[in-house]
Amino acid sequence: MADKKNQGPKIAEPRLSMFQEYLYVYLLFWVFISVVAFISFFTCGGVWDDVTSGIMEFLFVIVGGGFTVVAVIDYFYEKQMGQTRPEGQR
C-alpha cells in the first residue's frame, strides 16, 4: 500500500511584503558594492590616494546612489500601478 500523506488544508507560507523584497534587494546590492570597493582598494595598491578616492566615490555615489534612486522610484511605481490593475491582467 502506498503511504498517504496528510490531506488536510495546506498552511500558506508567510510571504514577504513588497517593501521587504525591495529592502533585501537593496541590502544585497550594497553588500556587492562594498565587496567590489574592498577588492578595488587592494587592486589600487592598498593605499588611500586620489585614484582610490575617485573609485570609491564612483562606486558609492554614482553606482550605489543611482541604483537606490531608480529602485525607490520603481518601488513607488509598482505600488501605484499594482493597485490599479485587477489581479491576473497585464
PDB file of N, CA and C in Angstrom:
ATOM      1  N   MET A   1       0.831  -1.172   0.000  1.00  0.00           N
ATOM      2  CA  MET A   1       0.000   0.000   0.000  1.00  0.00           C
ATOM      3  C   MET A   1       0.882   1.244   0.000  1.00  0.00           C
ATOM      4  N   ALA A   2       0.402   2.222  -0.663  1.00  0.00           N
ATOM      5  CA  ALA A   2       1.141   3.486  -0.724  1.00  0.00           C
ATOM      6  C   ALA A   2       0.855   4.302   0.527  1.00  0.00           C
ATOM      7  N   ASP A   3       1.881   4.984   0.980  1.00  0.00           N
ATOM      8  CA  ASP A   3       1.684   5.867   2.129  1.00  0.00           C
ATOM      9  C   ASP A   3       0.875   7.081   1.703  1.00  0.00           C
ATOM     10  N   LYS A   4      -0.110   7.388   2.509  1.00  0.00           N
ATOM     11  CA  LYS A   4      -0.911   8.579   2.227  1.00  0.00           C
ATOM     12  C   LYS A   4      -0.451   9.685   3.160  1.00  0.00           C
ATOM     13  N   LYS A   5      -0.217  10.827   2.574  1.00  0.00           N
ATOM     14  CA  LYS A   5       0.187  11.980   3.374  1.00  0.00           C
ATOM     15  C   LYS A   5      -1.049  12.689   3.875  1.00  0.00           C
ATOM     16  N   ASN A   6      -0.873  13.529   4.841  1.00  0.00           N
ATOM     17  CA  ASN A   6      -1.976  14.293   5.407  1.00  0.00           C
ATOM     18  C   ASN A   6      -2.623  15.129   4.314  1.00  0.00           C
ATOM     19  N   GLN A   7      -3.881  14.947   4.089  1.00  0.00           N
ATOM     20  CA  GLN A   7      -4.601  15.656   3.039  1.00  0.00           C
ATOM     21  C   GLN A   7      -5.335  16.878   3.589  1.00  0.00           C
ATOM     22  N   GLY A   8      -5.003  17.306   4.790  1.00  0.00           N
ATOM     23  CA  GLY A   8      -5.665  18.454   5.417  1.00  0.00           C
ATOM     24  C   GLY A   8      -5.343  19.742   4.671  1.00  0.00           C
ATOM     25  N   PRO A   9      -5.941  20.821   5.143  1.00  0.00           N
ATOM     26  CA  PRO A   9      -5.684  22.104   4.476  1.00  0.00           C
ATOM     27  C   PRO A   9      -4.213  22.491   4.591  1.00  0.00           C
ATOM     28  N   LYS A  10      -3.706  23.008   3.498  1.00  0.00           N
ATOM     29  CA  LYS A  10      -2.308  23.424   3.480  1.00  0.00           C
ATOM     30  C   LYS A  10      -2.186  24.783   4.146  1.00  0.00           C
ATOM     31  N   ILE A  11      -1.138  24.908   4.927  1.00  0.00           N
ATOM     32  CA  ILE A  11      -0.871  26.175   5.594  1.00  0.00           C
ATOM     33  C   ILE A  11      -0.047  27.035   4.636  1.00  0.00           C
ATOM     34  N   ALA A  12      -0.532  28.218   4.389  1.00  0.00           N
ATOM     35  CA  ALA A  12       0.173  29.110   3.477  1.00  0.00           C
ATOM     36  C   ALA A  12       1.475  29.588   4.125  1.00  0.00           C
ATOM     37  N   GLU A  13       2.523  29.545   3.331  1.00  0.00           N
ATOM     38  CA  GLU A  13       3.805  30.016   3.819  1.00  0.00           C
ATOM     39  C   GLU A  13       3.759  31.541   3.897  1.00  0.00           C
ATOM     40  N   PRO A  14       4.364  32.093   4.921  1.00  0.00           N
ATOM     41  CA  PRO A  14       4.359  33.558   5.016  1.00  0.00           C
ATOM     42  C   PRO A  14       5.156  34.164   3.857  1.00  0.00           C
ATOM     43  N   ARG A  15       4.561  35.128   3.195  1.00  0.00           N
ATOM     44  CA  ARG A  15       5.215  35.783   2.071  1.00  0.00           C
ATOM     45  C   ARG A  15       5.765  37.135   2.524  1.00  0.00           C
ATOM     46  N   LEU A  16       6.823  37.541   1.872  1.00  0.00           N
ATOM     47  CA  LEU A  16       7.402  38.843   2.167  1.00  0.00           C
ATOM     48  C   LEU A  16       6.563  39.928   1.517  1.00  0.00           C
ATOM     49  N   SER A  17       6.474  41.047   2.179  1.00  0.00           N
ATOM     50  CA  SER A  17       5.771  42.171   1.574  1.00  0.00           C
ATOM     51  C   SER A  17       6.652  42.758   0.467  1.00  0.00           C
ATOM     52  N   MET A  18       6.062  43.589  -0.369  1.00  0.00           N
ATOM     53  CA  MET A  18       6.807  44.186  -1.461  1.00  0.00           C
ATOM     54  C   MET A  18       7.957  45.039  -0.916  1.00  0.00           C
ATOM     55  N   PHE A  19       7.702  45.753   0.188  1.00  0.00           N
ATOM     56  CA  PHE A  19       8.749  46.584   0.794  1.00  0.00           C
ATOM     57  C   PHE A  19       9.914  45.721   1.274  1.00  0.00           C
ATOM     58  N   GLN A  20       9.620  44.581   1.897  1.00  0.00           N
ATOM     59  CA  GLN A  20      10.677  43.698   2.382  1.00  0.00           C
ATOM     60  C   GLN A  20      11.487  43.121   1.226  1.00  0.00           C
ATOM     61  N   GLU A  21      10.820  42.780   0.123  1.00  0.00           N
ATOM     62  CA  GLU A  21      11.544  42.269  -1.035  1.00  0.00           C
ATOM     63  C   GLU A  21      12.503  43.321  -1.579  1.00  0.00           C
ATOM     64  N   TYR A  22      12.024  44.547  -1.717  1.00  0.00           N
ATOM     65  CA  TYR A  22      12.884  45.622  -2.198  1.00  0.00           C
ATOM     66  C   TYR A  22      14.027  45.882  -1.218  1.00  0.00           C
ATOM     67  N   LEU A  23      13.748  45.841   0.075  1.00  0.00           N
ATOM     68  CA  LEU A  23      14.779  46.078   1.076  1.00  0.00           C
ATOM     69  C   LEU A  23      15.885  45.033   0.981  1.00  0.00           C
ATOM     70  N   TYR A  24      15.520  43.771   0.792  1.00  0.00           N
ATOM     71  CA  TYR A  24      16.522  42.725   0.658  1.00  0.00           C
ATOM     72  C   TYR A  24      17.359  42.916  -0.607  1.00  0.00           C
ATOM     73  N   VAL A  25      16.736  43.361  -1.672  1.00  0.00           N
ATOM     74  CA  VAL A  25      17.485  43.614  -2.902  1.00  0.00           C
ATOM     75  C   VAL A  25      18.473  44.760  -2.691  1.00  0.00           C
ATOM     76  N   TYR A  26      18.043  45.845  -2.021  1.00  0.00           N
ATOM     77  CA  TYR A  26      18.942  46.966  -1.729  1.00  0.00           C
ATOM     78  C   TYR A  26      20.124  46.500  -0.898  1.00  0.00           C
ATOM     79  N   LEU A  27      19.850  45.742   0.147  1.00  0.00           N
ATOM     80  CA  LEU A  27      20.924  45.282   1.025  1.00  0.00           C
ATOM     81  C   LEU A  27      21.908  44.390   0.277  1.00  0.00           C
ATOM     82  N   LEU A  28      21.393  43.496  -0.545  1.00  0.00           N
ATOM     83  CA  LEU A  28      22.248  42.610  -1.329  1.00  0.00           C
ATOM     84  C   LEU A  28      23.122  43.420  -2.285  1.00  0.00           C
ATOM     85  N   PHE A  29      22.551  44.428  -2.927  1.00  0.00           N
ATOM     86  CA  PHE A  29      23.322  45.242  -3.851  1.00  0.00           C
ATOM     87  C   PHE A  29      24.400  46.043  -3.122  1.00  0.00           C
ATOM     88  N   TRP A  30      24.058  46.614  -1.958  1.00  0.00           N
ATOM     89  CA  TRP A  30      25.051  47.395  -1.217  1.00  0.00           C
ATOM     90  C   TRP A  30      26.159  46.505  -0.666  1.00  0.00           C
ATOM     91  N   VAL A  31      25.863  45.277  -0.316  1.00  0.00           N
ATOM     92  CA  VAL A  31      26.916  44.336   0.090  1.00  0.00           C
ATOM     93  C   VAL A  31      27.829  44.056  -1.108  1.00  0.00           C
ATOM     94  N   PHE A  32      27.224  43.883  -2.284  1.00  0.00           N
ATOM     95  CA  PHE A  32      28.012  43.666  -3.503  1.00  0.00           C
ATOM     96  C   PHE A  32      28.928  44.859  -3.779  1.00  0.00           C
ATOM     97  N   ILE A  33      28.386  46.080  -3.670  1.00  0.00           N
ATOM     98  CA  ILE A  33      29.190  47.285  -3.901  1.00  0.00           C
ATOM     99  C   ILE A  33      30.328  47.365  -2.880  1.00  0.00           C
ATOM    100  N   SER A  34      30.052  47.008  -1.639  1.00  0.00           N
ATOM    101  CA  SER A  34      31.091  47.040  -0.606  1.00  0.00           C
ATOM    102  C   SER A  34      32.197  46.040  -0.895  1.00  0.00           C
ATOM    103  N   VAL A  35      31.852  44.859  -1.373  1.00  0.00           N
ATOM    104  CA  VAL A  35      32.859  43.846  -1.731  1.00  0.00           C
ATOM    105  C   VAL A  35      33.699  44.341  -2.902  1.00  0.00           C
ATOM    106  N   VAL A  36      33.058  44.941  -3.896  1.00  0.00           N
ATOM    107  CA  VAL A  36      33.797  45.491  -5.034  1.00  0.00           C
ATOM    108  C   VAL A  36      34.730  46.615  -4.568  1.00  0.00           C
ATOM    109  N   ALA A  37      34.271  47.449  -3.640  1.00  0.00           N
ATOM    110  CA  ALA A  37      35.116  48.526  -3.115  1.00  0.00           C
ATOM    111  C   ALA A  37      36.312  47.957  -2.365  1.00  0.00           C
ATOM    112  N   PHE A  38      36.101  46.907  -1.584  1.00  0.00           N
ATOM    113  CA  PHE A  38      37.187  46.266  -0.844  1.00  0.00           C
ATOM    114  C   PHE A  38      38.229  45.701  -1.813  1.00  0.00           C
ATOM    115  N   ILE A  39      37.762  45.023  -2.844  1.00  0.00           N
ATOM    116  CA  ILE A  39      38.683  44.470  -3.851  1.00  0.00           C
ATOM    117  C   ILE A  39      39.401  45.592  -4.593  1.00  0.00           C
ATOM    118  N   SER A  40      38.684  46.658  -4.914  1.00  0.00           N
ATOM    119  CA  SER A  40      39.290  47.786  -5.633  1.00  0.00           C
ATOM    120  C   SER A  40      40.363  48.472  -4.802  1.00  0.00           C
ATOM    121  N   PHE A  41      40.139  48.557  -3.502  1.00  0.00           N
ATOM    122  CA  PHE A  41      41.132  49.181  -2.627  1.00  0.00           C
ATOM    123  C   PHE A  41      42.470  48.463  -2.726  1.00  0.00           C
ATOM    124  N   PHE A  42      42.441  47.134  -2.682  1.00  0.00           N
ATOM    125  CA  PHE A  42      43.690  46.386  -2.759  1.00  0.00           C
ATOM    126  C   PHE A  42      44.219  46.287  -4.180  1.00  0.00           C
ATOM    127  N   THR A  43      43.352  46.373  -5.166  1.00  0.00           N
ATOM    128  CA  THR A  43      43.801  46.403  -6.555  1.00  0.00           C
ATOM    129  C   THR A  43      44.562  47.696  -6.841  1.00  0.00           C
ATOM    130  N   CYS A  44      44.153  48.780  -6.193  1.00  0.00           N
ATOM    131  CA  CYS A  44      44.815  50.081  -6.381  1.00  0.00           C
ATOM    132  C   CYS A  44      46.078  50.209  -5.536  1.00  0.00           C
ATOM    133  N   GLY A  45      46.494  49.172  -4.871  1.00  0.00           N
ATOM    134  CA  GLY A  45      47.748  49.200  -4.132  1.00  0.00           C
ATOM    135  C   GLY A  45      47.593  49.219  -2.632  1.00  0.00           C
ATOM    136  N   GLY A  46      46.385  49.263  -2.119  1.00  0.00           N
ATOM    137  CA  GLY A  46      46.170  49.231  -0.678  1.00  0.00           C
ATOM    138  C   GLY A  46      46.490  50.538   0.023  1.00  0.00           C
ATOM    139  N   VAL A  47      46.582  51.614  -0.723  1.00  0.00           N
ATOM    140  CA  VAL A  47      46.810  52.935  -0.135  1.00  0.00           C
ATOM    141  C   VAL A  47      45.655  53.849  -0.530  1.00  0.00           C
ATOM    142  N   TRP A  48      45.353  54.781   0.366  1.00  0.00           N
ATOM    143  CA  TRP A  48      44.266  55.717   0.084  1.00  0.00           C
ATOM    144  C   TRP A  48      44.868  56.946  -0.603  1.00  0.00           C
ATOM    145  N   ASP A  49      44.705  57.025  -1.908  1.00  0.00           N
ATOM    146  CA  ASP A  49      45.200  58.165  -2.661  1.00  0.00           C
ATOM    147  C   ASP A  49      44.071  58.712  -3.529  1.00  0.00           C
ATOM    148  N   ASP A  50      44.412  59.582  -4.466  1.00  0.00           N
ATOM    149  CA  ASP A  50      43.382  60.194  -5.313  1.00  0.00           C
ATOM    150  C   ASP A  50      42.668  59.174  -6.199  1.00  0.00           C
ATOM    151  N   VAL A  51      43.392  58.189  -6.677  1.00  0.00           N
ATOM    152  CA  VAL A  51      42.781  57.170  -7.536  1.00  0.00           C
ATOM    153  C   VAL A  51      41.781  56.336  -6.737  1.00  0.00           C
ATOM    154  N   THR A  52      42.187  55.871  -5.584  1.00  0.00           N
ATOM    155  CA  THR A  52      41.298  55.071  -4.733  1.00  0.00           C
ATOM    156  C   THR A  52      40.093  55.889  -4.301  1.00  0.00           C
ATOM    157  N   SER A  53      40.318  57.135  -3.955  1.00  0.00           N
ATOM    158  CA  SER A  53      39.219  58.011  -3.553  1.00  0.00           C
ATOM    159  C   SER A  53      38.220  58.202  -4.693  1.00  0.00           C
ATOM    160  N   GLY A  54      38.727  58.376  -5.888  1.00  0.00           N
ATOM    161  CA  GLY A  54      37.857  58.534  -7.054  1.00  0.00           C
ATOM    162  C   GLY A  54      37.050  57.279  -7.354  1.00  0.00           C
ATOM    163  N   ILE A  55      37.683  56.135  -7.202  1.00  0.00           N
ATOM    164  CA  ILE A  55      36.983  54.876  -7.437  1.00  0.00           C
ATOM    165  C   ILE A  55      35.887  54.666  -6.395  1.00  0.00           C
ATOM    166  N   MET A  56      36.191  54.941  -5.143  1.00  0.00           N
ATOM    167  CA  MET A  56      35.186  54.785  -4.079  1.00  0.00           C
ATOM    168  C   MET A  56      34.026  55.755  -4.273  1.00  0.00           C
ATOM    169  N   GLU A  57      34.336  56.975  -4.672  1.00  0.00           N
ATOM    170  CA  GLU A  57      33.285  57.961  -4.946  1.00  0.00           C
ATOM    171  C   GLU A  57      32.395  57.480  -6.086  1.00  0.00           C
ATOM    172  N   PHE A  58      33.005  56.972  -7.143  1.00  0.00           N
ATOM    173  CA  PHE A  58      32.232  56.457  -8.265  1.00  0.00           C
ATOM    174  C   PHE A  58      31.344  55.289  -7.840  1.00  0.00           C
ATOM    175  N   LEU A  59      31.917  54.350  -7.105  1.00  0.00           N
ATOM    176  CA  LEU A  59      31.156  53.164  -6.705  1.00  0.00           C
ATOM    177  C   LEU A  59      29.977  53.517  -5.801  1.00  0.00           C
ATOM    178  N   PHE A  60      30.234  54.285  -4.754  1.00  0.00           N
ATOM    179  CA  PHE A  60      29.190  54.531  -3.761  1.00  0.00           C
ATOM    180  C   PHE A  60      28.216  55.638  -4.159  1.00  0.00           C
ATOM    181  N   VAL A  61      28.719  56.712  -4.758  1.00  0.00           N
ATOM    182  CA  VAL A  61      27.838  57.828  -5.088  1.00  0.00           C
ATOM    183  C   VAL A  61      27.119  57.599  -6.416  1.00  0.00           C
ATOM    184  N   ILE A  62      27.871  57.303  -7.456  1.00  0.00           N
ATOM    185  CA  ILE A  62      27.279  57.190  -8.787  1.00  0.00           C
ATOM    186  C   ILE A  62      26.528  55.862  -8.947  1.00  0.00           C
ATOM    187  N   VAL A  63      27.225  54.751  -8.747  1.00  0.00           N
ATOM    188  CA  VAL A  63      26.587  53.447  -8.964  1.00  0.00           C
ATOM    189  C   VAL A  63      25.577  53.128  -7.860  1.00  0.00           C
ATOM    190  N   GLY A  64      26.006  53.209  -6.605  1.00  0.00           N
ATOM    191  CA  GLY A  64      25.114  52.885  -5.495  1.00  0.00           C
ATOM    192  C   GLY A  64      23.963  53.860  -5.355  1.00  0.00           C
ATOM    193  N   GLY A  65      24.277  55.145  -5.422  1.00  0.00           N
ATOM    194  CA  GLY A  65      23.222  56.152  -5.323  1.00  0.00           C
ATOM    195  C   GLY A  65      22.251  56.087  -6.486  1.00  0.00           C
ATOM    196  N   GLY A  66      22.778  55.888  -7.679  1.00  0.00           N
ATOM    197  CA  GLY A  66      21.907  55.772  -8.857  1.00  0.00           C
ATOM    198  C   GLY A  66      20.992  54.567  -8.763  1.00  0.00           C
ATOM    199  N   PHE A  67      21.529  53.438  -8.330  1.00  0.00           N
ATOM    200  CA  PHE A  67      20.702  52.242  -8.175  1.00  0.00           C
ATOM    201  C   PHE A  67      19.616  52.469  -7.134  1.00  0.00           C
ATOM    202  N   THR A  68      19.960  53.109  -6.043  1.00  0.00           N
ATOM    203  CA  THR A  68      18.990  53.342  -4.978  1.00  0.00           C
ATOM    204  C   THR A  68      17.882  54.276  -5.443  1.00  0.00           C
ATOM    205  N   VAL A  69      18.229  55.340  -6.147  1.00  0.00           N
ATOM    206  CA  VAL A  69      17.215  56.275  -6.648  1.00  0.00           C
ATOM    207  C   VAL A  69      16.270  55.572  -7.616  1.00  0.00           C
ATOM    208  N   VAL A  70      16.821  54.813  -8.547  1.00  0.00           N
ATOM    209  CA  VAL A  70      15.987  54.104  -9.517  1.00  0.00           C
ATOM    210  C   VAL A  70      15.126  53.050  -8.831  1.00  0.00           C
ATOM    211  N   ALA A  71      15.676  52.353  -7.851  1.00  0.00           N
ATOM    212  CA  ALA A  71      14.916  51.323  -7.157  1.00  0.00           C
ATOM    213  C   ALA A  71      13.787  51.919  -6.321  1.00  0.00           C
ATOM    214  N   VAL A  72      14.010  53.074  -5.695  1.00  0.00           N
ATOM    215  CA  VAL A  72      12.950  53.730  -4.920  1.00  0.00           C
ATOM    216  C   VAL A  72      11.835  54.203  -5.853  1.00  0.00           C
ATOM    217  N   ILE A  73      12.211  54.782  -6.979  1.00  0.00           N
ATOM    218  CA  ILE A  73      11.208  55.207  -7.962  1.00  0.00           C
ATOM    219  C   ILE A  73      10.433  53.991  -8.463  1.00  0.00           C
ATOM    220  N   ASP A  74      11.122  52.878  -8.731  1.00  0.00           N
ATOM    221  CA  ASP A  74      10.459  51.662  -9.191  1.00  0.00           C
ATOM    222  C   ASP A  74       9.511  51.107  -8.134  1.00  0.00           C
ATOM    223  N   TYR A  75       9.891  51.186  -6.863  1.00  0.00           N
ATOM    224  CA  TYR A  75       9.030  50.710  -5.779  1.00  0.00           C
ATOM    225  C   TYR A  75       7.711  51.478  -5.768  1.00  0.00           C
ATOM    226  N   PHE A  76       7.800  52.809  -5.832  1.00  0.00           N
ATOM    227  CA  PHE A  76       6.572  53.603  -5.813  1.00  0.00           C
ATOM    228  C   PHE A  76       5.748  53.411  -7.081  1.00  0.00           C
ATOM    229  N   TYR A  77       6.413  53.210  -8.212  1.00  0.00           N
ATOM    230  CA  TYR A  77       5.698  52.932  -9.447  1.00  0.00           C
ATOM    231  C   TYR A  77       4.933  51.619  -9.336  1.00  0.00           C
ATOM    232  N   GLU A  78       5.615  50.574  -8.868  1.00  0.00           N
ATOM    233  CA  GLU A  78       4.958  49.273  -8.715  1.00  0.00           C
ATOM    234  C   GLU A  78       3.830  49.336  -7.693  1.00  0.00           C
ATOM    235  N   LYS A  79       4.023  50.105  -6.651  1.00  0.00           N
ATOM    236  CA  LYS A  79       2.995  50.230  -5.622  1.00  0.00           C
ATOM    237  C   LYS A  79       1.743  50.898  -6.189  1.00  0.00           C
ATOM    238  N   GLN A  80       1.919  51.940  -6.985  1.00  0.00           N
ATOM    239  CA  GLN A  80       0.782  52.651  -7.574  1.00  0.00           C
ATOM    240  C   GLN A  80       0.145  51.855  -8.706  1.00  0.00           C
ATOM    241  N   MET A  81       0.936  51.324  -9.607  1.00  0.00           N
ATOM    242  CA  MET A  81       0.393  50.617 -10.773  1.00  0.00           C
ATOM    243  C   MET A  81      -0.145  49.249 -10.395  1.00  0.00           C
ATOM    244  N   GLY A  82       0.391  48.637  -9.367  1.00  0.00           N
ATOM    245  CA  GLY A  82      -0.090  47.329  -8.943  1.00  0.00           C
ATOM    246  C   GLY A  82      -1.482  47.392  -8.350  1.00  0.00           C
ATOM    247  N   GLN A  83      -1.888  48.530  -7.806  1.00  0.00           N
ATOM    248  CA  GLN A  83      -3.205  48.666  -7.202  1.00  0.00           C
ATOM    249  C   GLN A  83      -4.276  49.014  -8.216  1.00  0.00           C
ATOM    250  N   THR A  84      -3.897  49.548  -9.371  1.00  0.00           N
ATOM    251  CA  THR A  84      -4.911  49.989 -10.335  1.00  0.00           C
ATOM    252  C   THR A  84      -5.370  48.873 -11.244  1.00  0.00           C
ATOM    253  N   ARG A  85      -4.604  47.810 -11.383  1.00  0.00           N
ATOM    254  CA  ARG A  85      -4.970  46.709 -12.277  1.00  0.00           C
ATOM    255  C   ARG A  85      -5.584  45.567 -11.485  1.00  0.00           C
ATOM    256  N   PRO A  86      -6.624  44.951 -12.036  1.00  0.00           N
ATOM    257  CA  PRO A  86      -7.153  43.738 -11.388  1.00  0.00           C
ATOM    258  C   PRO A  86      -6.138  42.608 -11.452  1.00  0.00           C
ATOM    259  N   GLU A  87      -6.237  41.708 -10.534  1.00  0.00           N
ATOM    260  CA  GLU A  87      -5.314  40.586 -10.450  1.00  0.00           C
ATOM    261  C   GLU A  87      -5.426  39.731 -11.711  1.00  0.00           C
ATOM    262  N   GLY A  88      -4.267  39.372 -12.284  1.00  0.00           N
ATOM    263  CA  GLY A  88      -4.248  38.497 -13.448  1.00  0.00           C
ATOM    264  C   GLY A  88      -4.164  39.242 -14.770  1.00  0.00           C
ATOM    265  N   GLN A  89      -4.393  40.531 -14.809  1.00  0.00           N
ATOM    266  CA  GLN A  89      -4.303  41.282 -16.051  1.00  0.00           C
ATOM    267  C   GLN A  89      -2.955  41.960 -16.141  1.00  0.00           C
ATOM    268  N   ARG A  90      -2.515  42.161 -17.363  1.00  0.00           N
ATOM    269  CA  ARG A  90      -1.236  42.849 -17.579  1.00  0.00           C
ATOM    270  C   ARG A  90      -1.447  44.107 -18.336  1.00  0.00           C
TER     271      ARG A  90
END
